[in-house]
Protein backbone atom coordinates (compact mmCIF):
# COMPACT_ATOMS: atom_id res chain seq x y z
CA MET A 1 -23.68 -27.25 15.57
CA SER A 2 -23.96 -27.86 11.86
CA THR A 3 -21.16 -28.42 9.41
CA ASP A 4 -21.84 -25.06 7.75
CA ILE A 5 -21.00 -23.24 10.96
CA VAL A 6 -17.83 -25.27 11.46
CA VAL A 7 -16.72 -24.64 7.87
CA GLY A 8 -17.42 -20.94 8.34
CA TYR A 9 -15.24 -20.82 11.46
CA LEU A 10 -12.48 -22.75 9.72
CA GLY A 11 -12.59 -20.34 6.79
CA GLY A 12 -12.40 -17.39 9.16
CA MET A 13 -9.52 -19.00 11.00
CA PHE A 14 -7.54 -19.52 7.80
CA GLN A 15 -8.31 -15.97 6.67
CA ILE A 16 -7.06 -14.53 9.97
CA ALA A 17 -3.94 -16.71 9.85
CA LEU A 18 -3.16 -15.50 6.33
CA GLN A 19 -3.87 -11.90 7.29
CA ILE A 20 -1.52 -12.15 10.27
CA ALA A 21 1.27 -13.92 8.40
CA MET A 22 1.17 -11.82 5.22
CA PRO A 23 3.27 -8.81 6.37
CA LEU A 24 6.05 -11.07 7.61
CA LEU A 25 5.98 -13.26 4.50
CA VAL A 26 5.97 -10.33 2.06
CA ALA A 27 8.82 -8.52 3.82
CA THR A 28 10.94 -11.67 4.01
CA LEU A 29 10.22 -12.49 0.37
CA ALA A 30 11.21 -8.98 -0.75
CA VAL A 31 14.47 -9.07 1.20
CA GLY A 32 15.26 -12.55 -0.09
CA LEU A 33 14.65 -11.46 -3.65
CA LEU A 34 16.87 -8.40 -3.27
CA ILE A 35 19.65 -10.45 -1.72
CA SER A 36 19.37 -13.07 -4.46
CA VAL A 37 19.72 -10.40 -7.13
CA PHE A 38 22.71 -8.95 -5.28
CA GLN A 39 24.32 -12.40 -5.09
CA VAL A 40 23.78 -13.02 -8.79
CA VAL A 41 25.26 -9.65 -9.75
CA THR A 42 28.29 -9.93 -7.47
CA GLN A 43 28.66 -13.74 -7.66
CA ILE A 44 28.95 -13.96 -3.88
CA GLN A 45 27.57 -17.28 -2.64
CA GLU A 46 27.78 -16.76 1.11
CA MET A 47 24.98 -18.54 2.98
CA THR A 48 24.92 -16.17 5.95
CA LEU A 49 24.25 -13.31 3.56
CA THR A 50 20.79 -14.73 2.93
CA PHE A 51 19.77 -15.58 6.49
CA VAL A 52 20.95 -12.64 8.59
CA PRO A 53 19.05 -9.88 6.73
CA LYS A 54 15.90 -12.02 6.65
CA ILE A 55 16.09 -12.51 10.41
CA VAL A 56 16.66 -8.79 10.98
CA VAL A 57 13.72 -7.85 8.76
CA SER A 58 11.52 -10.49 10.42
CA ILE A 59 12.29 -9.08 13.85
CA ALA A 60 11.64 -5.54 12.64
CA VAL A 61 8.31 -6.48 11.06
CA LEU A 62 7.26 -8.32 14.20
CA ALA A 63 8.23 -5.33 16.32
CA ILE A 64 6.26 -2.93 14.11
CA ALA A 65 3.24 -5.06 13.19
CA GLY A 66 3.19 -7.30 16.27
CA PRO A 67 0.63 -5.27 18.24
CA TRP A 68 -1.69 -5.16 15.23
CA MET A 69 -1.31 -8.92 14.69
CA LEU A 70 -2.08 -9.61 18.33
CA ASN A 71 -5.10 -7.28 18.22
CA VAL A 72 -6.54 -9.09 15.17
CA LEU A 73 -6.02 -12.46 16.83
CA VAL A 74 -7.60 -11.34 20.11
CA GLU A 75 -10.63 -9.87 18.29
CA PHE A 76 -11.15 -13.15 16.42
CA ALA A 77 -10.85 -15.14 19.65
CA ILE A 78 -13.35 -12.85 21.41
CA GLN A 79 -15.83 -13.19 18.53
CA THR A 80 -15.46 -16.95 18.48
CA ILE A 81 -15.79 -17.38 22.23
CA SER A 82 -18.75 -14.98 22.48
CA SER A 83 -20.59 -16.85 19.72
CA ILE A 84 -20.47 -20.08 21.73
CA LYS A 85 -23.39 -18.97 23.89
CA HIS A 86 -25.67 -18.95 20.81
CA PHE A 87 -25.39 -22.72 20.41
């Protein structure tokens, strides 16, 4: 197995990881930004106000996009494992 093949698999792995994590990261970032703006406007500095909505949104995104994320990960694993026989 050459280094080009290994680098290709590593690149694919990082691309899949980013693709899987992106919906969760974007949703959490958006909620955090909205809560930060709300805290600045109202001058409320309650720490639980930042964490609870992020957790709720994270659970909702995982419930909605979880099957898709798992499907992408399984397809990548199947491709990787099936390509082993070519070496």
